C-alpha atoms as a PDB file:
ATOM      1  CA  MET A   1      53.848-176.782 133.308  1.00  0.00           C
ATOM      2  CA  LEU A   2      57.038-178.589 133.758  1.00  0.00           C
ATOM      3  CA  ASN A   3      59.784-177.190 135.882  1.00  0.00           C
ATOM      4  CA  PHE A   4      62.482-177.757 133.131  1.00  0.00           C
ATOM      5  CA  ALA A   5      65.320-177.078 135.774  1.00  0.00           C
ATOM      6  CA  LEU A   6      64.464-180.058 137.827  1.00  0.00           C
ATOM      7  CA  ILE A   7      64.283-182.432 134.189  1.00  0.00           C
ATOM      8  CA  PHE A   8      67.156-180.679 132.526  1.00  0.00           C
ATOM      9  CA  ASN A   9      69.833-180.863 135.823  1.00  0.00           C
ATOM     10  CA  LYS A  10      68.152-184.299 136.891  1.00  0.00           C
ATOM     11  CA  ALA A  11      66.761-186.714 134.399  1.00  0.00           C
ATOM     12  CA  SER A  12      68.039-185.666 130.959  1.00  0.00           C
ATOM     13  CA  LEU A  13      72.214-184.925 132.135  1.00  0.00           C
ATOM     14  CA  SER A  14      71.912-188.253 133.622  1.00  0.00           C
ATOM     15  CA  ALA A  15      69.691-189.841 130.282  1.00  0.00           C
ATOM     16  CA  PHE A  16      72.230-188.101 127.771  1.00  0.00           C
ATOM     17  CA  LYS A  17      75.534-189.439 130.165  1.00  0.00           C
ATOM     18  CA  HIS A  18      74.428-193.187 129.677  1.00  0.00           C
ATOM     19  CA  ARG A  19      72.086-192.910 126.806  1.00  0.00           C
ATOM     20  CA  ARG A  20      72.629-190.377 124.832  1.00  0.00           C
ATOM     21  CA  ASP A  21      69.959-190.376 121.942  1.00  0.00           C
ATOM     22  CA  ILE A  22      67.602-191.074 124.567  1.00  0.00           C
ATOM     23  CA  GLY A  23      68.648-188.041 126.531  1.00  0.00           C
ATOM     24  CA  ILE A  24      68.271-185.512 123.725  1.00  0.00           C
ATOM     25  CA  MET A  25      64.798-187.057 123.243  1.00  0.00           C
ATOM     26  CA  ILE A  26      63.698-186.583 126.224  1.00  0.00           C
ATOM     27  CA  LEU A  27      65.034-183.155 126.533  1.00  0.00           C
ATOM     28  CA  SER A  28      63.463-181.601 123.725  1.00  0.00           C
ATOM     29  CA  MET A  29      60.293-183.092 124.461  1.00  0.00           C
ATOM     30  CA  PHE A  30      59.550-181.507 127.663  1.00  0.00           C
ATOM     31  CA  VAL A  31      61.695-177.996 126.831  1.00  0.00           C
ATOM     32  CA  LEU A  32      58.619-177.965 124.048  1.00  0.00           C
ATOM     33  CA  THR A  33      55.891-178.988 126.552  1.00  0.00           C
ATOM     34  CA  ALA A  34      57.462-176.577 129.461  1.00  0.00           C
ATOM     35  CA  CYS A  35      57.894-173.784 126.566  1.00  0.00           C
ATOM     36  CA  GLN A  36      54.642-173.849 125.094  1.00  0.00           C
ATOM     37  CA  GLU A  37      51.743-173.075 127.478  1.00  0.00           C
ATOM     38  CA  GLU A  38      50.444-170.038 125.930  1.00  0.00           C
ATOM     39  CA  LYS A  39      47.860-167.595 127.347  1.00  0.00           C
ATOM     40  CA  GLN A  40      44.055-168.028 125.890  1.00  0.00           C
ATOM     41  CA  ASN A  41      43.235-164.054 126.115  1.00  0.00           C
ATOM     42  CA  GLN A  42      45.226-161.525 124.095  1.00  0.00           C
ATOM     43  CA  ASN A  43      42.555-158.886 124.162  1.00  0.00           C
ATOM     44  CA  ILE A  44      43.122-156.991 127.653  1.00  0.00           C
ATOM     45  CA  SER A  45      44.460-153.919 127.991  1.00  0.00           C
ATOM     46  CA  LEU A  46      48.468-153.099 128.887  1.00  0.00           C
ATOM     47  CA  ALA A  47      47.295-149.308 129.400  1.00  0.00           C
ATOM     48  CA  LEU A  48      48.467-147.757 132.566  1.00  0.00           C
ATOM     49  CA  THR A  49      46.574-145.418 135.044  1.00  0.00           C
ATOM     50  CA  GLU A  50      49.482-143.403 135.203  1.00  0.00           C
ATOM     51  CA  LYS A  51      53.119-142.451 134.293  1.00  0.00           C
ATOM     52  CA  THR A  52      55.106-145.907 134.602  1.00  0.00           C
ATOM     53  CA  PRO A  53      59.046-145.183 134.392  1.00  0.00           C
ATOM     54  CA  ILE A  54      60.875-148.410 133.615  1.00  0.00           C
ATOM     55  CA  GLY A  55      64.847-148.202 132.908  1.00  0.00           C
ATOM     56  CA  LEU A  56      66.213-150.596 130.470  1.00  0.00           C
ATOM     57  CA  THR A  57      70.204-151.065 129.877  1.00  0.00           C
ATOM     58  CA  VAL A  58      71.766-153.671 127.185  1.00  0.00           C
ATOM     59  CA  TYR A  59      75.026-154.610 127.316  1.00  0.00           C
ATOM     60  CA  SER A  60      75.673-153.539 123.475  1.00  0.00           C
ATOM     61  CA  MET A  61      73.623-151.891 121.105  1.00  0.00           C
ATOM     62  CA  GLU A  62      76.548-152.822 118.931  1.00  0.00           C
ATOM     63  CA  ASP A  63      74.953-156.648 118.717  1.00  0.00           C
ATOM     64  CA  LEU A  64      72.609-157.110 115.388  1.00  0.00           C
ATOM     65  CA  TYR A  65      70.580-159.092 118.276  1.00  0.00           C
ATOM     66  CA  ILE A  66      70.147-156.077 120.413  1.00  0.00           C
ATOM     67  CA  GLN A  67      69.039-154.071 117.580  1.00  0.00           C
ATOM     68  CA  ASN A  68      66.450-156.760 116.481  1.00  0.00           C
ATOM     69  CA  MET A  69      64.832-157.255 120.617  1.00  0.00           C
ATOM     70  CA  MET A  70      65.526-153.255 120.372  1.00  0.00           C
ATOM     71  CA  VAL A  71      62.198-152.989 117.410  1.00  0.00           C
ATOM     72  CA  GLY A  72      60.175-155.295 119.996  1.00  0.00           C
ATOM     73  CA  PHE A  73      60.679-153.122 122.849  1.00  0.00           C
ATOM     74  CA  GLU A  74      59.708-150.025 120.959  1.00  0.00           C
ATOM     75  CA  ASN A  75      56.389-151.624 119.817  1.00  0.00           C
ATOM     76  CA  THR A  76      55.783-153.104 122.260  1.00  0.00           C
ATOM     77  CA  GLU A  77      55.933-149.370 124.369  1.00  0.00           C
ATOM     78  CA  LYS A  78      53.580-147.815 121.629  1.00  0.00           C
ATOM     79  CA  LYS A  79      50.886-150.503 123.203  1.00  0.00           C
ATOM     80  CA  ILE A  80      50.780-149.434 126.343  1.00  0.00           C
ATOM     81  CA  ASP A  81      49.810-145.716 127.597  1.00  0.00           C
ATOM     82  CA  ASN A  82      51.536-144.134 129.976  1.00  0.00           C
ATOM     83  CA  LEU A  83      54.212-146.368 130.468  1.00  0.00           C
ATOM     84  CA  LYS A  84      57.833-144.213 129.754  1.00  0.00           C
ATOM     85  CA  LEU A  85      60.881-146.905 128.651  1.00  0.00           C
ATOM     86  CA  THR A  86      64.519-145.320 129.216  1.00  0.00           C
ATOM     87  CA  VAL A  87      66.954-147.162 127.116  1.00  0.00           C
ATOM     88  CA  LEU A  88      70.995-147.081 127.973  1.00  0.00           C
ATOM     89  CA  ASP A  89      73.794-148.836 125.909  1.00  0.00           C
ATOM     90  CA  GLY A  90      75.934-150.586 128.006  1.00  0.00           C
ATOM     91  CA  LYS A  91      78.671-150.248 125.372  1.00  0.00           C
ATOM     92  CA  ASN A  92      80.165-153.428 126.835  1.00  0.00           C
ATOM     93  CA  ASN A  93      81.334-152.589 129.767  1.00  0.00           C
ATOM     94  CA  GLN A  94      80.274-153.955 132.918  1.00  0.00           C
ATOM     95  CA  GLU A  95      81.010-151.029 135.508  1.00  0.00           C
ATOM     96  CA  ASN A  96      79.481-148.863 132.917  1.00  0.00           C
ATOM     97  CA  GLN A  97      76.255-150.615 133.076  1.00  0.00           C
ATOM     98  CA  ILE A  98      76.304-151.422 137.217  1.00  0.00           C
ATOM     99  CA  ASP A  99      76.419-147.583 137.501  1.00  0.00           C
ATOM    100  CA  GLN A 100      73.609-147.530 135.275  1.00  0.00           C
ATOM    101  CA  VAL A 101      71.521-149.452 136.792  1.00  0.00           C
ATOM    102  CA  ALA A 102      72.118-147.423 140.464  1.00  0.00           C
ATOM    103  CA  GLU A 103      70.908-144.488 138.729  1.00  0.00           C
ATOM    104  CA  MET A 104      67.965-145.916 137.155  1.00  0.00           C
ATOM    105  CA  VAL A 105      67.079-146.904 140.606  1.00  0.00           C
ATOM    106  CA  ASP A 106      67.613-143.467 141.740  1.00  0.00           C
ATOM    107  CA  ALA A 107      65.860-141.497 139.253  1.00  0.00           C
ATOM    108  CA  GLY A 108      62.667-143.569 140.497  1.00  0.00           C
ATOM    109  CA  ASN A 109      62.215-145.823 137.888  1.00  0.00           C
ATOM    110  CA  GLN A 110      59.590-148.635 139.066  1.00  0.00           C
ATOM    111  CA  ALA A 111      61.135-151.609 137.090  1.00  0.00           C
ATOM    112  CA  LEU A 112      64.537-152.269 135.431  1.00  0.00           C
ATOM    113  CA  LEU A 113      64.877-154.245 132.306  1.00  0.00           C
ATOM    114  CA  VAL A 114      69.043-155.618 131.900  1.00  0.00           C
ATOM    115  CA  ASN A 115      70.677-157.544 129.533  1.00  0.00           C
ATOM    116  CA  MET A 116      74.105-158.264 131.260  1.00  0.00           C
ATOM    117  CA  VAL A 117      78.039-157.397 129.930  1.00  0.00           C
ATOM    118  CA  ASP A 118      79.295-159.923 131.698  1.00  0.00           C
ATOM    119  CA  VAL A 119      77.952-163.383 132.030  1.00  0.00           C
ATOM    120  CA  SER A 120      81.149-165.569 132.389  1.00  0.00           C
ATOM    121  CA  PHE A 121      81.435-168.160 134.619  1.00  0.00           C
ATOM    122  CA  GLY A 122      82.336-166.573 138.155  1.00  0.00           C
ATOM    123  CA  ASN A 123      81.748-163.492 138.253  1.00  0.00           C
ATOM    124  CA  THR A 124      79.716-161.329 140.407  1.00  0.00           C
ATOM    125  CA  ALA A 125      78.762-158.865 138.124  1.00  0.00           C
ATOM    126  CA  GLY A 126      75.056-160.337 138.536  1.00  0.00           C
ATOM    127  CA  GLN A 127      74.781-160.241 142.165  1.00  0.00           C
ATOM    128  CA  GLU A 128      75.781-155.952 142.236  1.00  0.00           C
ATOM    129  CA  LEU A 129      73.168-155.553 139.606  1.00  0.00           C
ATOM    130  CA  VAL A 130      70.564-157.155 141.990  1.00  0.00           C
ATOM    131  CA  ASP A 131      72.378-155.566 145.262  1.00  0.00           C
ATOM    132  CA  LYS A 132      71.702-151.940 143.574  1.00  0.00           C
ATOM    133  CA  SER A 133      68.149-152.475 142.775  1.00  0.00           C
ATOM    134  CA  LYS A 134      66.971-153.976 146.477  1.00  0.00           C
ATOM    135  CA  VAL A 135      68.683-150.913 147.661  1.00  0.00           C
ATOM    136  CA  LYS A 136      64.989-149.515 147.028  1.00  0.00           C
ATOM    137  CA  ASN A 137      62.953-152.373 146.584  1.00  0.00           C
ATOM    138  CA  VAL A 138      62.772-151.673 142.675  1.00  0.00           C
ATOM    139  CA  PRO A 139      62.385-155.212 140.750  1.00  0.00           C
ATOM    140  CA  ILE A 140      64.601-156.311 138.013  1.00  0.00           C
ATOM    141  CA  VAL A 141      63.865-158.251 135.262  1.00  0.00           C
ATOM    142  CA  PHE A 142      67.208-159.965 133.434  1.00  0.00           C
ATOM    143  CA  PHE A 143      66.631-160.889 129.499  1.00  0.00           C
ATOM    144  CA  ASN A 144      68.447-162.875 126.792  1.00  0.00           C
ATOM    145  CA  ARG A 145      71.781-163.163 129.528  1.00  0.00           C
ATOM    146  CA  HIS A 146      71.129-165.068 132.343  1.00  0.00           C
ATOM    147  CA  PRO A 147      73.062-163.794 135.526  1.00  0.00           C
ATOM    148  CA  GLY A 148      73.159-167.533 136.976  1.00  0.00           C
ATOM    149  CA  SER A 149      70.445-169.445 139.954  1.00  0.00           C
ATOM    150  CA  LYS A 150      72.189-168.050 142.874  1.00  0.00           C
ATOM    151  CA  VAL A 151      71.976-164.392 142.270  1.00  0.00           C
ATOM    152  CA  MET A 152      68.163-165.323 140.798  1.00  0.00           C
ATOM    153  CA  LYS A 153      67.436-166.631 144.604  1.00  0.00           C
ATOM    154  CA  SER A 154      69.358-163.881 146.488  1.00  0.00           C
ATOM    155  CA  TYR A 155      65.861-161.114 145.354  1.00  0.00           C
ATOM    156  CA  ASP A 156      62.456-162.317 145.047  1.00  0.00           C
ATOM    157  CA  LYS A 157      61.788-159.734 142.863  1.00  0.00           C
ATOM    158  CA  ALA A 158      64.674-160.673 140.071  1.00  0.00           C
ATOM    159  CA  TYR A 159      63.241-162.421 137.152  1.00  0.00           C
ATOM    160  CA  TYR A 160      64.837-163.784 134.032  1.00  0.00           C
ATOM    161  CA  ILE A 161      62.961-164.090 130.301  1.00  0.00           C
ATOM    162  CA  GLY A 162      65.237-166.159 127.384  1.00  0.00           C
ATOM    163  CA  SER A 163      65.156-169.432 126.312  1.00  0.00           C
ATOM    164  CA  ILE A 164      66.702-172.481 126.886  1.00  0.00           C
ATOM    165  CA  ALA A 165      70.540-172.594 125.321  1.00  0.00           C
ATOM    166  CA  ALA A 166      70.469-176.336 125.008  1.00  0.00           C
ATOM    167  CA  GLN A 167      66.795-176.527 122.928  1.00  0.00           C
ATOM    168  CA  SER A 168      68.906-174.507 120.471  1.00  0.00           C
ATOM    169  CA  GLY A 169      72.194-176.620 120.269  1.00  0.00           C
ATOM    170  CA  ILE A 170      69.360-179.502 119.861  1.00  0.00           C
ATOM    171  CA  LEU A 171      67.036-178.289 116.958  1.00  0.00           C
ATOM    172  CA  GLN A 172      70.176-177.515 115.245  1.00  0.00           C
ATOM    173  CA  GLY A 173      71.639-180.428 115.570  1.00  0.00           C
ATOM    174  CA  GLU A 174      68.354-182.314 114.373  1.00  0.00           C
ATOM    175  CA  MET A 175      68.120-180.149 111.360  1.00  0.00           C
ATOM    176  CA  ILE A 176      72.042-180.741 110.686  1.00  0.00           C
ATOM    177  CA  VAL A 177      71.205-184.403 110.512  1.00  0.00           C
ATOM    178  CA  ALA A 178      68.272-184.523 108.714  1.00  0.00           C
ATOM    179  CA  ASP A 179      70.040-182.504 105.954  1.00  0.00           C
ATOM    180  CA  TRP A 180      72.943-184.733 105.792  1.00  0.00           C
ATOM    181  CA  GLN A 181      70.774-187.361 105.284  1.00  0.00           C
ATOM    182  CA  ASN A 182      69.049-185.846 102.649  1.00  0.00           C
ATOM    183  CA  ASN A 183      72.054-184.555 100.863  1.00  0.00           C
ATOM    184  CA  PRO A 184      74.493-187.059  99.888  1.00  0.00           C
ATOM    185  CA  GLU A 185      76.341-184.580  98.091  1.00  0.00           C
ATOM    186  CA  TRP A 186      77.801-183.170 101.035  1.00  0.00           C
ATOM    187  CA  ASP A 187      79.912-186.116 101.912  1.00  0.00           C
ATOM    188  CA  LEU A 188      82.883-184.229 100.025  1.00  0.00           C
ATOM    189  CA  ASN A 189      85.484-186.856 100.543  1.00  0.00           C
ATOM    190  CA  LYS A 190      82.997-189.918 100.753  1.00  0.00           C
ATOM    191  CA  ASP A 191      84.115-191.507 103.900  1.00  0.00           C
ATOM    192  CA  GLY A 192      80.294-191.902 105.282  1.00  0.00           C
ATOM    193  CA  ILE A 193      81.745-189.135 108.145  1.00  0.00           C
ATOM    194  CA  LEU A 194      80.551-185.679 108.425  1.00  0.00           C
ATOM    195  CA  GLN A 195      83.405-183.538 109.242  1.00  0.00           C
ATOM    196  CA  TYR A 196      82.069-180.246 110.684  1.00  0.00           C
ATOM    197  CA  VAL A 197      83.628-177.041 112.766  1.00  0.00           C
ATOM    198  CA  ILE A 198      81.797-174.656 115.382  1.00  0.00           C
ATOM    199  CA  LEU A 199      82.166-170.867 115.879  1.00  0.00           C
ATOM    200  CA  LYS A 200      81.404-170.607 119.416  1.00  0.00           C
ATOM    201  CA  GLY A 201      80.084-167.240 121.105  1.00  0.00           C
ATOM    202  CA  GLN A 202      81.710-166.037 124.269  1.00  0.00           C
ATOM    203  CA  GLU A 203      83.708-168.408 126.787  1.00  0.00           C
ATOM    204  CA  GLY A 204      81.933-169.156 129.918  1.00  0.00           C
ATOM    205  CA  HIS A 205      78.319-167.520 128.075  1.00  0.00           C
ATOM    206  CA  ALA A 206      75.663-169.746 129.057  1.00  0.00           C
ATOM    207  CA  ASP A 207      74.447-169.743 125.551  1.00  0.00           C
ATOM    208  CA  ALA A 208      77.179-170.599 123.655  1.00  0.00           C
ATOM    209  CA  GLU A 209      78.295-173.075 125.958  1.00  0.00           C
ATOM    210  CA  GLY A 210      75.091-174.378 126.337  1.00  0.00           C
ATOM    211  CA  ARG A 211      74.533-174.372 122.065  1.00  0.00           C
ATOM    212  CA  THR A 212      78.058-175.808 121.393  1.00  0.00           C
ATOM    213  CA  LYS A 213      77.816-178.379 123.476  1.00  0.00           C
ATOM    214  CA  TRP A 214      74.153-179.734 122.739  1.00  0.00           C
ATOM    215  CA  VAL A 215      74.642-179.505 118.840  1.00  0.00           C
ATOM    216  CA  SER A 216      77.424-182.005 118.822  1.00  0.00           C
ATOM    217  CA  ALA A 217      75.911-183.810 121.576  1.00  0.00           C
ATOM    218  CA  THR A 218      72.595-184.405 119.201  1.00  0.00           C
ATOM    219  CA  ILE A 219      74.907-185.103 115.824  1.00  0.00           C
ATOM    220  CA  ASN A 220      77.111-187.391 118.128  1.00  0.00           C
ATOM    221  CA  SER A 221      73.478-189.224 119.119  1.00  0.00           C
ATOM    222  CA  TYR A 222      73.010-191.150 115.550  1.00  0.00           C
ATOM    223  CA  PRO A 223      75.297-193.476 114.528  1.00  0.00           C
ATOM    224  CA  THR A 224      72.562-196.094 114.293  1.00  0.00           C
ATOM    225  CA  LYS A 225      70.524-194.234 111.702  1.00  0.00           C
ATOM    226  CA  GLY A 226      74.153-194.442 109.772  1.00  0.00           C
ATOM    227  CA  ILE A 227      75.440-190.827 111.223  1.00  0.00           C
ATOM    228  CA  LYS A 228      79.139-190.329 111.702  1.00  0.00           C
ATOM    229  CA  ALA A 229      80.499-187.040 112.748  1.00  0.00           C
ATOM    230  CA  GLU A 230      84.304-185.474 113.328  1.00  0.00           C
ATOM    231  CA  LYS A 231      84.077-182.294 115.485  1.00  0.00           C
ATOM    232  CA  MET A 232      87.344-180.926 113.579  1.00  0.00           C
ATOM    233  CA  ASP A 233      87.613-177.749 115.916  1.00  0.00           C
ATOM    234  CA  ILE A 234      85.783-175.332 117.808  1.00  0.00           C
ATOM    235  CA  ILE A 235      86.492-171.666 117.550  1.00  0.00           C
ATOM    236  CA  THR A 236      85.266-169.089 119.913  1.00  0.00           C
ATOM    237  CA  ALA A 237      84.609-165.689 117.618  1.00  0.00           C
ATOM    238  CA  ASN A 238      82.258-163.540 120.379  1.00  0.00           C
ATOM    239  CA  TRP A 239      79.339-163.661 118.630  1.00  0.00           C
ATOM    240  CA  ARG A 240      81.020-160.786 116.430  1.00  0.00           C
ATOM    241  CA  THR A 241      80.979-160.936 112.567  1.00  0.00           C
ATOM    242  CA  GLU A 242      84.058-159.927 112.049  1.00  0.00           C
ATOM    243  CA  GLU A 243      85.792-161.791 114.112  1.00  0.00           C
ATOM    244  CA  ALA A 244      84.320-164.724 113.273  1.00  0.00           C
ATOM    245  CA  LYS A 245      85.372-164.013 109.235  1.00  0.00           C
ATOM    246  CA  ASN A 246      88.986-163.716 110.167  1.00  0.00           C
ATOM    247  CA  LYS A 247      89.191-166.051 112.929  1.00  0.00           C
ATOM    248  CA  LEU A 248      87.675-168.831 109.813  1.00  0.00           C
ATOM    249  CA  LYS A 249      89.524-167.527 107.289  1.00  0.00           C
ATOM    250  CA  MET A 250      92.918-167.808 109.123  1.00  0.00           C
ATOM    251  CA  TRP A 251      91.890-171.826 109.867  1.00  0.00           C
ATOM    252  CA  LEU A 252      90.709-172.202 106.675  1.00  0.00           C
ATOM    253  CA  SER A 253      94.593-171.263 105.002  1.00  0.00           C
ATOM    254  CA  ASN A 254      95.108-174.763 106.507  1.00  0.00           C
ATOM    255  CA  PRO A 255      94.466-177.207 103.271  1.00  0.00           C
ATOM    256  CA  SER A 256      93.956-179.981 105.582  1.00  0.00           C
ATOM    257  CA  HIS A 257      90.957-178.011 107.257  1.00  0.00           C
ATOM    258  CA  GLN A 258      89.289-177.426 103.820  1.00  0.00           C
ATOM    259  CA  ALA A 259      87.987-181.035 104.130  1.00  0.00           C
ATOM    260  CA  VAL A 260      85.494-179.347 106.738  1.00  0.00           C
ATOM    261  CA  GLU A 261      81.688-180.273 105.308  1.00  0.00           C
ATOM    262  CA  ILE A 262      79.646-178.064 107.905  1.00  0.00           C
ATOM    263  CA  VAL A 263      79.992-174.583 109.256  1.00  0.00           C
ATOM    264  CA  ILE A 264      78.041-174.585 112.699  1.00  0.00           C
ATOM    265  CA  THR A 265      78.025-171.141 114.491  1.00  0.00           C
ATOM    266  CA  ASN A 266      76.037-169.949 117.836  1.00  0.00           C
ATOM    267  CA  ASN A 267      74.609-167.058 115.949  1.00  0.00           C
ATOM    268  CA  ASP A 268      73.509-165.618 112.770  1.00  0.00           C
ATOM    269  CA  ALA A 269      75.998-163.096 112.903  1.00  0.00           C
ATOM    270  CA  MET A 270      78.574-165.376 113.368  1.00  0.00           C
ATOM    271  CA  ALA A 271      77.123-167.122 110.421  1.00  0.00           C
ATOM    272  CA  PHE A 272      77.428-164.108 108.154  1.00  0.00           C
ATOM    273  CA  GLY A 273      80.674-163.951 108.805  1.00  0.00           C
ATOM    274  CA  ALA A 274      81.737-167.606 108.393  1.00  0.00           C
ATOM    275  CA  LEU A 275      80.393-167.513 104.782  1.00  0.00           C
ATOM    276  CA  ASP A 276      81.951-164.117 104.082  1.00  0.00           C
ATOM    277  CA  ALA A 277      85.512-166.763 105.115  1.00  0.00           C
ATOM    278  CA  LEU A 278      84.551-169.498 102.542  1.00  0.00           C
ATOM    279  CA  GLU A 279      83.950-167.334  99.878  1.00  0.00           C
ATOM    280  CA  ASP A 280      87.106-165.650 100.424  1.00  0.00           C
ATOM    281  CA  ALA A 281      88.740-169.294 100.470  1.00  0.00           C
ATOM    282  CA  GLY A 282      86.932-170.477  97.708  1.00  0.00           C
ATOM    283  CA  LEU A 283      84.396-173.089  99.310  1.00  0.00           C
ATOM    284  CA  VAL A 284      81.191-173.447  99.454  1.00  0.00           C
ATOM    285  CA  ARG A 285      79.790-175.285 102.659  1.00  0.00           C
ATOM    286  CA  PRO A 286      76.525-175.613 104.510  1.00  0.00           C
ATOM    287  CA  VAL A 287      76.885-172.619 107.063  1.00  0.00           C
ATOM    288  CA  TYR A 288      73.893-173.213 110.295  1.00  0.00           C
ATOM    289  CA  GLY A 289      73.355-170.106 112.456  1.00  0.00           C
ATOM    290  CA  VAL A 290      70.980-169.288 115.716  1.00  0.00           C
ATOM    291  CA  ASP A 291      68.504-165.978 115.635  1.00  0.00           C
ATOM    292  CA  ALA A 292      66.748-166.446 112.434  1.00  0.00           C
ATOM    293  CA  MET A 293      67.854-162.671 111.982  1.00  0.00           C
ATOM    294  CA  PRO A 294      65.695-161.078 108.666  1.00  0.00           C
ATOM    295  CA  GLU A 295      69.245-161.169 106.858  1.00  0.00           C
ATOM    296  CA  ALA A 296      69.504-164.820 108.205  1.00  0.00           C
ATOM    297  CA  LEU A 297      66.168-165.422 106.408  1.00  0.00           C
ATOM    298  CA  LYS A 298      66.982-164.151 103.323  1.00  0.00           C
ATOM    299  CA  LEU A 299      70.137-165.824 102.587  1.00  0.00           C
ATOM    300  CA  ILE A 300      68.377-169.072 103.257  1.00  0.00           C
ATOM    301  CA  LYS A 301      65.679-168.089 100.652  1.00  0.00           C
ATOM    302  CA  ALA A 302      68.189-167.516  98.564  1.00  0.00           C
ATOM    303  CA  GLY A 303      70.376-170.719  99.307  1.00  0.00           C
ATOM    304  CA  LYS A 304      73.187-169.233 100.631  1.00  0.00           C
ATOM    305  CA  MET A 305      72.838-170.472 104.071  1.00  0.00           C
ATOM    306  CA  ALA A 306      71.783-173.447 104.914  1.00  0.00           C
ATOM    307  CA  GLY A 307      69.436-173.067 107.932  1.00  0.00           C
ATOM    308  CA  THR A 308      68.778-171.211 111.418  1.00  0.00           C
ATOM    309  CA  VAL A 309      67.094-171.459 115.102  1.00  0.00           C
ATOM    310  CA  LEU A 310      64.405-168.773 115.339  1.00  0.00           C
ATOM    311  CA  GLN A 311      65.482-167.277 119.099  1.00  0.00           C
ATOM    312  CA  ASP A 312      62.347-164.609 119.136  1.00  0.00           C
ATOM    313  CA  ALA A 313      64.180-161.703 119.787  1.00  0.00           C
ATOM    314  CA  GLN A 314      60.911-159.308 119.452  1.00  0.00           C
ATOM    315  CA  LYS A 315      58.940-161.994 121.153  1.00  0.00           C
ATOM    316  CA  GLN A 316      61.199-161.845 124.534  1.00  0.00           C
ATOM    317  CA  ALA A 317      61.549-158.223 124.372  1.00  0.00           C
ATOM    318  CA  GLU A 318      57.682-157.445 124.457  1.00  0.00           C
ATOM    319  CA  GLN A 319      57.362-160.472 127.117  1.00  0.00           C
ATOM    320  CA  ALA A 320      60.002-158.473 129.268  1.00  0.00           C
ATOM    321  CA  LEU A 321      58.597-155.332 128.846  1.00  0.00           C
ATOM    322  CA  ILE A 322      55.234-156.952 129.774  1.00  0.00           C
ATOM    323  CA  LEU A 323      56.620-158.497 132.942  1.00  0.00           C
ATOM    324  CA  ALA A 324      58.242-155.684 134.500  1.00  0.00           C
ATOM    325  CA  THR A 325      55.487-153.207 133.817  1.00  0.00           C
ATOM    326  CA  ASN A 326      53.444-156.128 135.753  1.00  0.00           C
ATOM    327  CA  LEU A 327      55.865-155.425 138.533  1.00  0.00           C
ATOM    328  CA  GLY A 328      56.254-151.820 138.505  1.00  0.00           C
ATOM    329  CA  THR A 329      52.911-151.341 138.814  1.00  0.00           C
ATOM    330  CA  GLY A 330      51.566-154.692 141.167  1.00  0.00           C
ATOM    331  CA  ARG A 331      49.680-156.439 138.531  1.00  0.00           C
ATOM    332  CA  ASP A 332      49.746-159.703 138.681  1.00  0.00           C
ATOM    333  CA  VAL A 333      53.074-160.938 137.381  1.00  0.00           C
ATOM    334  CA  ASN A 334      51.579-162.962 134.399  1.00  0.00           C
ATOM    335  CA  TYR A 335      49.093-160.600 133.095  1.00  0.00           C
ATOM    336  CA  GLY A 336      48.833-160.079 129.429  1.00  0.00           C
ATOM    337  CA  LEU A 337      51.981-162.769 128.954  1.00  0.00           C
ATOM    338  CA  ASP A 338      51.983-165.135 126.628  1.00  0.00           C
ATOM    339  CA  PHE A 339      53.742-167.494 127.828  1.00  0.00           C
ATOM    340  CA  LYS A 340      53.398-168.079 131.598  1.00  0.00           C
ATOM    341  CA  ILE A 341      56.522-166.927 134.747  1.00  0.00           C
ATOM    342  CA  ILE A 342      57.419-170.196 136.480  1.00  0.00           C
ATOM    343  CA  ASN A 343      60.375-169.893 139.672  1.00  0.00           C
ATOM    344  CA  ASN A 344      60.502-166.061 138.172  1.00  0.00           C
ATOM    345  CA  GLU A 345      61.426-167.259 134.982  1.00  0.00           C
ATOM    346  CA  MET A 346      59.670-167.595 131.292  1.00  0.00           C
ATOM    347  CA  MET A 347      61.251-169.642 128.444  1.00  0.00           C
ATOM    348  CA  VAL A 348      60.889-168.547 125.144  1.00  0.00           C
ATOM    349  CA  PRO A 349      60.487-171.778 122.792  1.00  0.00           C
ATOM    350  CA  TYR A 350      62.845-171.922 119.758  1.00  0.00           C
ATOM    351  CA  VAL A 351      62.254-173.005 116.297  1.00  0.00           C
ATOM    352  CA  ALA A 352      64.154-174.241 113.928  1.00  0.00           C
ATOM    353  CA  ILE A 353      64.565-172.965 110.245  1.00  0.00           C
ATOM    354  CA  ASN A 354      65.503-174.352 106.990  1.00  0.00           C
ATOM    355  CA  LYS A 355      64.309-174.498 103.099  1.00  0.00           C
ATOM    356  CA  THR A 356      61.496-176.632 104.697  1.00  0.00           C
ATOM    357  CA  ASN A 357      59.796-173.763 106.130  1.00  0.00           C
ATOM    358  CA  ILE A 358      61.378-170.940 105.428  1.00  0.00           C
ATOM    359  CA  ASP A 359      58.501-169.515 103.657  1.00  0.00           C
ATOM    360  CA  GLN A 360      56.656-169.380 107.163  1.00  0.00           C
ATOM    361  CA  TYR A 361      58.650-167.089 108.514  1.00  0.00           C
ATOM    362  CA  SER A 362      60.432-164.396 105.613  1.00  0.00           C
ATOM    363  CA  LYS A 363      58.482-162.247 104.292  1.00  0.00           C
END
């Protein structure tokens, strides 16, 4: 297993700075290699010998992706005898979530699962959450939203399960480039330049920053293959469908912006809003998302959405709950996991999905 953090920070970013196309190819290869070492023996028992309470708090139950993760948590809990999972909703309030973690520690939960509310750069919430769990030496597993490397290093029982944002941006960008090459009619003004706009998640959110940066870097790295691109704008819509719809609709009210040829979004929820905004403006444009939500897969199959990138919500949830159970009961940290924990982290790989492979993922 490769140390992705080392590769990404030193080799890939350096390669990207001087040879952007080579850097992206190297990063793609290393990401996939680092993420795909799976455990072969899946026929082991996850049952516990005694009642084991695990506490879980998410940033907001209103988030579509979190709702999908909850299905994974519920299904996995059913597979583990004697596991008692307590689920709390942070309701998008970080102070509320910090109090929840303190309460779950005091209630005797043997491990915690935390999907943070505030992941903006420079915030102290992650450290506060870790400090609350350290009081009684309770392991804490962050998932989907990374608290930052400094926080992770401050506690040897802090873990993280998620996916690498850069990989999703790269896969999304490569899919867009291939589709652009295969659909010359998408070049509406016949200038040979791909005009696109990005709907970004939360400012300062690691996934939003990584996806936004790397999808653009990937698209812009193909001039030798005849791909020229112009990023018209980046619109922050905070992962939300309605906000994406309203902001893109306002943006499209400028006649010059209707020259946009592709709409790229950091998640499927915003892609849904983008489709609504385009419909209201009387426009049809390819729209790409991330998450592979069930509704997105249906839209791709129907030809109404161009593509998405699978961030396997239910697999992340399954792996996070198994890991928390291992930590809470003293089992080997990798027991029953599909991917190994390296330096207290697991990265579940992304998969690009469009009309070419939609039948493999849609039901």
